[in-house]
Amino acid sequence: MVKKIAVLTSGGDAPGMNATIRSVVRTAAYNNIKVVGIRKGFSGLLSGDMEDMTPRSVSETIHKGGTILYTARCPEMLTTEGQDKAATVCKVLGLDGLIVIGGDGSLKGGLSLVERGVNVIGIPGTIDLDLCCTDYTIGFDTAVNTAMDAINKIRDTSSSHERCSIVEVMGRNAGYIALWCSLTGGAEEALIPEDKQRNVNTCVNMIMEHRSKGKKHNLIVVAEGIGKSAELAKEIESITGITTRATILGYLQRGGSPTALDRMHGSVMGYEAVNIILKGKRNRIVIYKDGKHRDIDITEGLNVTREYDPFMYKLIQVLAI
């Protein structure tokens, strides 16, 4: 019999986390399971910052960005002492399962508890889409749409002043947001960590080629993992003589009401996480693969690697001609 579970959000917040929490709480309530909401991620687990949650606790939250359970980094979970203490707290609480919503760092924290006998079910929640075991992570679609909306506005002023605009988007060490924003925002160049061949020279060549064909303005999207957008803008302007401005979108991309896609994935993954525990499975990650939601072993999932596919970058080049 599954009697009691807990849920926490850890690491960077992502739009759709509240939809996921809501789904976990209400699916558990439907099955007469008590839910403990742990505030501030693993930090709250260690300090005992938690509350009992009911269907009422998650009322009017599906449309909200951020996370109602709050989130925080927890350096203590990188230590053996911290991991031991967290596992002890889980056992004292009598949990039949701990649902961790977050990115790879959060799920690695969950894995350390698995090694200490805690049943951890992971849900991929990160705007970066950098968990290789899944085709989708909660928050990605909203982040891309937010960035794309900003790029649309930047294009207006870039066009009016015949400038070159550089837009830096988030994504940590992954370039997926940059690639999607480049394609959907009509950019001519994307600089991403996965492709080391692109640099200031390739950008300058692209700008001059397109200007020679009559193009009046240019748009380059830079991934966070590349960075140095302001320096890149100065270098391009110095070489080409074209006014170049850099805009770093930053944490703007993490906020806002989640899109329908993020609400859907969050709701399904939350439901699946509870049902995984009900089925007696242990230590799994809920993933979205080949058009279906499924689950895999948490250790296996965190060891999956993904090769860079240049298809989308090639498409950006073709459509920017």
Protein backbone atom coordinates (compact mmCIF):
# COMPACT_ATOMS: atom_id res chain seq x y z
CA MET A 1 0.00 0.00 0.00
CA VAL A 2 1.27 3.42 -0.96
CA LYS A 3 0.35 5.80 1.83
CA LYS A 4 2.64 8.81 1.65
CA ILE A 5 4.80 10.54 -0.95
CA ALA A 6 6.62 13.86 -1.18
CA VAL A 7 7.31 16.25 -4.02
CA LEU A 8 9.92 18.98 -4.48
CA THR A 9 11.21 21.29 -7.21
CA SER A 10 14.93 21.86 -7.41
CA GLY A 11 17.46 23.87 -9.41
CA GLY A 12 16.30 26.49 -11.87
CA ASP A 13 12.56 27.12 -12.02
CA ALA A 14 10.74 26.30 -15.26
CA PRO A 15 7.25 27.25 -16.51
CA GLY A 16 5.01 24.22 -16.09
CA MET A 17 6.39 23.12 -12.74
CA ASN A 18 3.17 24.20 -11.02
CA ALA A 19 1.10 22.19 -13.47
CA THR A 20 3.29 19.21 -12.57
CA ILE A 21 2.94 19.74 -8.82
CA ARG A 22 -0.82 20.12 -9.25
CA SER A 23 -0.99 16.84 -11.16
CA VAL A 24 1.07 14.99 -8.54
CA VAL A 25 -1.06 16.25 -5.66
CA ARG A 26 -4.41 15.59 -7.30
CA THR A 27 -3.46 12.19 -8.71
CA ALA A 28 -2.26 11.20 -5.24
CA ALA A 29 -5.47 12.48 -3.62
CA TYR A 30 -7.54 10.51 -6.14
CA ASN A 31 -5.70 7.39 -4.94
CA ASN A 32 -5.96 8.29 -1.21
CA ILE A 33 -2.25 9.01 -0.88
CA LYS A 34 -0.95 11.70 1.45
CA VAL A 35 1.37 14.27 -0.17
CA VAL A 36 4.07 16.29 1.54
CA GLY A 37 5.22 19.37 -0.35
CA ILE A 38 8.87 20.17 0.33
CA ARG A 39 9.75 23.85 -0.03
CA LYS A 40 13.04 25.13 -1.50
CA GLY A 41 14.15 21.81 -2.97
CA PHE A 42 16.71 19.66 -1.19
CA SER A 43 17.48 22.58 1.09
CA GLY A 44 13.94 22.35 2.47
CA LEU A 45 14.25 18.59 2.80
CA LEU A 46 17.33 19.04 4.98
CA SER A 47 15.82 21.84 7.08
CA GLY A 48 12.35 20.34 7.44
CA ASP A 49 10.62 23.13 5.50
CA MET A 50 7.54 21.26 4.28
CA GLU A 51 3.75 21.15 4.34
CA ASP A 52 0.94 18.69 3.81
CA MET A 53 -0.73 19.32 0.44
CA THR A 54 -4.32 18.77 -0.61
CA PRO A 55 -6.17 19.34 -3.91
CA ARG A 56 -7.05 22.76 -2.52
CA SER A 57 -3.34 23.58 -2.09
CA VAL A 58 -2.86 23.53 -5.85
CA SER A 59 -6.07 25.30 -6.84
CA GLU A 60 -5.57 28.13 -9.37
CA THR A 61 -1.92 27.23 -10.01
CA ILE A 62 -1.87 25.54 -13.42
CA HIS A 63 -1.46 28.85 -15.23
CA LYS A 64 1.26 30.27 -12.98
CA GLY A 65 4.95 30.40 -13.82
CA GLY A 66 7.69 29.62 -11.33
CA THR A 67 7.04 27.07 -8.61
CA ILE A 68 4.71 27.37 -5.61
CA LEU A 69 7.09 25.11 -3.68
CA TYR A 70 9.99 27.50 -4.34
CA THR A 71 13.43 26.27 -5.31
CA ALA A 72 17.01 26.76 -4.22
CA ARG A 73 20.50 25.50 -4.84
CA CYS A 74 21.75 23.17 -2.12
CA PRO A 75 25.54 22.81 -1.87
CA GLU A 76 25.07 20.54 1.15
CA MET A 77 23.59 17.87 -1.14
CA LEU A 78 26.99 17.63 -2.83
CA THR A 79 28.47 16.25 0.40
CA THR A 80 28.19 12.74 1.81
CA GLU A 81 26.92 14.16 5.10
CA GLY A 82 24.17 16.11 3.39
CA GLN A 83 23.08 13.14 1.30
CA ASP A 84 23.01 10.89 4.37
CA LYS A 85 20.93 13.43 6.28
CA ALA A 86 18.46 13.85 3.39
CA ALA A 87 17.99 10.09 3.11
CA THR A 88 17.41 9.86 6.86
CA VAL A 89 14.74 12.57 6.70
CA CYS A 90 12.94 10.65 3.93
CA LYS A 91 12.96 7.50 6.01
CA VAL A 92 11.77 9.31 9.15
CA LEU A 93 8.89 10.78 7.13
CA GLY A 94 7.95 7.27 6.04
CA LEU A 95 7.85 8.12 2.35
CA ASP A 96 6.88 5.53 -0.22
CA GLY A 97 8.34 7.78 -2.88
CA LEU A 98 10.00 11.15 -3.42
CA ILE A 99 9.14 12.95 -6.67
CA VAL A 100 11.91 15.30 -7.79
CA ILE A 101 11.08 17.86 -10.49
CA GLY A 102 14.17 19.47 -12.00
CA GLY A 103 17.14 19.20 -14.35
CA ASP A 104 20.17 16.93 -14.41
CA GLY A 105 21.70 18.38 -11.24
CA SER A 106 18.46 17.85 -9.33
CA LEU A 107 18.08 14.30 -10.60
CA LYS A 108 21.69 13.54 -9.69
CA GLY A 109 20.80 14.70 -6.18
CA GLY A 110 17.89 12.27 -6.32
CA LEU A 111 20.24 9.51 -7.47
CA SER A 112 22.36 10.00 -4.35
CA LEU A 113 19.21 9.26 -2.31
CA VAL A 114 18.46 6.20 -4.44
CA GLU A 115 21.86 4.86 -3.43
CA ARG A 116 20.74 5.27 0.18
CA GLY A 117 17.48 3.34 -0.20
CA VAL A 118 15.02 6.14 -1.05
CA ASN A 119 12.54 5.52 -3.88
CA VAL A 120 13.03 8.55 -6.16
CA ILE A 121 10.92 9.31 -9.22
CA GLY A 122 12.37 12.07 -11.41
CA ILE A 123 10.45 14.44 -13.67
CA PRO A 124 12.52 16.49 -16.16
CA GLY A 125 11.82 20.16 -15.50
CA THR A 126 14.29 22.55 -17.14
CA ILE A 127 14.05 25.14 -19.90
CA ASP A 128 17.42 23.97 -21.28
CA LEU A 129 16.25 20.65 -22.79
CA ASP A 130 19.64 19.24 -21.77
CA LEU A 131 18.52 15.93 -20.26
CA CYS A 132 19.54 13.50 -23.00
CA CYS A 133 17.21 10.65 -21.98
CA THR A 134 14.08 12.58 -22.94
CA ASP A 135 12.90 14.39 -26.07
CA TYR A 136 11.16 17.05 -23.98
CA THR A 137 11.69 18.82 -20.67
CA ILE A 138 9.03 20.91 -18.93
CA GLY A 139 9.53 24.63 -19.50
CA PHE A 140 11.32 24.49 -22.85
CA ASP A 141 8.38 25.52 -25.03
CA THR A 142 7.48 28.52 -22.86
CA ALA A 143 11.11 29.68 -22.76
CA VAL A 144 11.40 29.48 -26.55
CA ASN A 145 8.12 31.35 -27.06
CA THR A 146 9.16 34.06 -24.60
CA ALA A 147 12.51 34.50 -26.33
CA MET A 148 10.90 34.45 -29.77
CA ASP A 149 8.49 37.22 -28.74
CA ALA A 150 11.44 39.34 -27.58
CA ILE A 151 13.32 38.62 -30.82
CA ASN A 152 10.29 39.76 -32.85
CA LYS A 153 10.41 43.11 -31.06
CA ILE A 154 14.17 43.43 -31.47
CA ARG A 155 13.82 42.74 -35.19
CA ASP A 156 11.52 45.76 -35.53
CA THR A 157 14.11 48.22 -34.23
CA SER A 158 16.97 46.39 -35.96
CA SER A 159 15.15 46.74 -39.27
CA SER A 160 14.31 50.41 -38.66
CA HIS A 161 17.95 51.30 -37.95
CA GLU A 162 19.47 48.82 -40.45
CA ARG A 163 21.48 47.30 -37.64
CA CYS A 164 22.94 43.94 -36.82
CA SER A 165 21.30 42.57 -33.66
CA ILE A 166 22.79 39.91 -31.41
CA VAL A 167 20.41 38.21 -29.01
CA GLU A 168 21.77 35.98 -26.24
CA VAL A 169 19.38 33.35 -24.93
CA MET A 170 19.59 30.94 -22.00
CA GLY A 171 20.31 27.22 -22.18
CA ARG A 172 23.35 26.79 -19.95
CA ASN A 173 25.73 24.48 -21.85
CA ALA A 174 23.14 23.41 -24.44
CA GLY A 175 22.17 25.24 -27.61
CA TYR A 176 18.59 24.03 -28.09
CA ILE A 177 16.89 27.30 -27.14
CA ALA A 178 19.27 29.18 -29.44
CA LEU A 179 18.61 26.82 -32.36
CA TRP A 180 14.84 26.94 -31.96
CA CYS A 181 14.84 30.72 -31.56
CA SER A 182 17.07 31.13 -34.59
CA LEU A 183 14.79 29.04 -36.75
CA THR A 184 11.48 30.46 -35.53
CA GLY A 185 12.77 34.02 -35.24
CA GLY A 186 14.28 34.16 -38.71
CA ALA A 187 17.90 34.54 -37.59
CA GLU A 188 20.77 34.14 -40.03
CA GLU A 189 23.30 32.68 -37.62
CA ALA A 190 23.28 30.70 -34.38
CA LEU A 191 26.31 30.32 -32.13
CA ILE A 192 25.94 27.25 -29.91
CA PRO A 193 28.30 25.22 -27.66
CA GLU A 194 27.77 22.06 -29.73
CA ASP A 195 29.26 23.62 -32.89
CA LYS A 196 32.78 24.96 -32.31
CA GLN A 197 33.33 25.95 -35.97
CA ARG A 198 31.21 29.11 -35.75
CA ASN A 199 32.89 32.31 -34.53
CA VAL A 200 33.16 36.05 -35.20
CA ASN A 201 34.66 35.41 -38.65
CA THR A 202 31.78 33.22 -39.80
CA CYS A 203 29.35 35.86 -38.50
CA VAL A 204 31.13 38.66 -40.36
CA ASN A 205 31.23 36.64 -43.58
CA MET A 206 27.52 35.90 -43.28
CA ILE A 207 26.66 39.57 -42.63
CA MET A 208 28.68 40.86 -45.56
CA GLU A 209 27.32 38.21 -47.92
CA HIS A 210 23.73 39.02 -47.01
CA ARG A 211 24.30 42.78 -47.17
CA SER A 212 25.75 42.36 -50.66
CA LYS A 213 22.45 40.78 -51.67
CA GLY A 214 20.47 43.77 -50.40
CA LYS A 215 19.62 42.73 -46.86
CA LYS A 216 19.28 45.78 -44.60
CA HIS A 217 19.57 44.20 -41.14
CA ASN A 218 20.93 41.03 -39.55
CA LEU A 219 20.05 38.83 -36.59
CA ILE A 220 22.41 36.48 -34.75
CA VAL A 221 21.31 34.32 -31.81
CA VAL A 222 23.96 33.35 -29.28
CA ALA A 223 23.57 30.57 -26.72
CA GLU A 224 24.38 31.23 -23.07
CA GLY A 225 27.11 28.59 -23.23
CA ILE A 226 28.95 30.74 -25.79
CA GLY A 227 28.24 34.10 -24.13
CA LYS A 228 30.34 37.25 -24.62
CA SER A 229 27.63 38.80 -26.78
CA ALA A 230 28.65 42.39 -25.98
CA GLU A 231 32.24 41.67 -27.03
CA LEU A 232 31.01 39.97 -30.20
CA ALA A 233 28.87 43.01 -31.06
CA LYS A 234 31.84 45.37 -30.67
CA GLU A 235 34.04 43.14 -32.80
CA ILE A 236 31.49 42.85 -35.60
CA GLU A 237 30.91 46.61 -35.61
CA SER A 238 34.65 47.28 -35.65
CA ILE A 239 35.22 44.98 -38.65
CA THR A 240 32.12 45.78 -40.72
CA GLY A 241 31.30 49.34 -39.72
CA ILE A 242 27.69 48.23 -39.25
CA THR A 243 26.01 49.38 -36.03
CA THR A 244 25.68 46.26 -33.90
CA ARG A 245 23.80 45.89 -30.62
CA ALA A 246 23.68 42.99 -28.16
CA THR A 247 20.68 42.07 -26.02
CA ILE A 248 20.91 39.45 -23.27
CA LEU A 249 17.42 38.13 -22.49
CA GLY A 250 18.46 36.37 -19.27
CA TYR A 251 15.91 35.30 -16.66
CA LEU A 252 13.05 36.76 -18.66
CA GLN A 253 12.87 33.34 -20.31
CA ARG A 254 12.20 31.45 -17.09
CA GLY A 255 9.07 33.35 -16.15
CA GLY A 256 5.58 33.76 -17.49
CA SER A 257 2.48 31.65 -17.78
CA PRO A 258 3.34 28.22 -19.23
CA THR A 259 2.21 27.37 -22.73
CA ALA A 260 -0.39 24.67 -23.38
CA LEU A 261 2.43 22.27 -24.29
CA ASP A 262 4.21 22.73 -20.97
CA ARG A 263 0.95 22.42 -19.03
CA MET A 264 0.14 19.22 -20.91
CA HIS A 265 3.53 17.59 -20.41
CA GLY A 266 3.62 18.68 -16.77
CA SER A 267 0.15 17.26 -16.11
CA VAL A 268 0.88 13.93 -17.82
CA MET A 269 4.30 13.51 -16.22
CA GLY A 270 2.94 14.29 -12.74
CA TYR A 271 0.19 11.72 -13.23
CA GLU A 272 2.66 9.13 -14.50
CA ALA A 273 5.05 9.70 -11.59
CA VAL A 274 2.39 8.85 -9.01
CA ASN A 275 1.24 5.82 -10.97
CA ILE A 276 4.81 4.54 -11.23
CA ILE A 277 4.92 4.48 -7.43
CA LEU A 278 1.50 2.80 -7.29
CA LYS A 279 2.75 0.07 -9.63
CA GLY A 280 5.56 -0.71 -7.20
CA LYS A 281 8.31 0.56 -9.47
CA ARG A 282 11.34 2.19 -7.95
CA ASN A 283 13.87 4.78 -8.98
CA ARG A 284 12.58 5.89 -12.38
CA ILE A 285 12.57 9.01 -14.56
CA VAL A 286 9.42 9.96 -16.43
CA ILE A 287 10.41 10.81 -20.00
CA TYR A 288 8.85 11.72 -23.33
CA LYS A 289 10.36 9.63 -26.13
CA ASP A 290 9.24 9.00 -29.70
CA GLY A 291 5.89 10.67 -29.08
CA LYS A 292 5.03 8.74 -25.90
CA HIS A 293 5.40 9.25 -22.15
CA ARG A 294 7.23 6.40 -20.49
CA ASP A 295 9.71 5.75 -17.69
CA ILE A 296 13.27 4.46 -17.47
CA ASP A 297 15.70 3.62 -14.70
CA ILE A 298 17.09 6.78 -13.13
CA THR A 299 20.73 5.63 -13.33
CA GLU A 300 20.33 4.60 -16.94
CA GLY A 301 18.60 7.88 -17.78
CA LEU A 302 21.32 10.06 -16.32
CA ASN A 303 24.00 8.15 -18.25
CA VAL A 304 22.38 8.68 -21.66
CA THR A 305 24.34 10.92 -24.03
CA ARG A 306 23.12 12.65 -27.18
CA GLU A 307 25.10 13.41 -30.31
CA TYR A 308 24.75 16.84 -31.86
CA ASP A 309 22.53 16.74 -34.96
CA PRO A 310 23.42 19.59 -37.37
CA PHE A 311 20.10 19.32 -39.25
CA MET A 312 18.44 22.32 -37.59
CA TYR A 313 21.50 24.52 -38.08
CA LYS A 314 21.59 23.57 -41.76
CA LEU A 315 17.92 24.48 -42.02
CA ILE A 316 18.61 27.90 -40.47
CA GLN A 317 21.26 28.54 -43.11
CA VAL A 318 19.01 27.47 -45.97
CA LEU A 319 16.06 29.59 -44.85
CA ALA A 320 18.24 32.66 -44.18
CA ILE A 321 19.46 32.90 -47.77
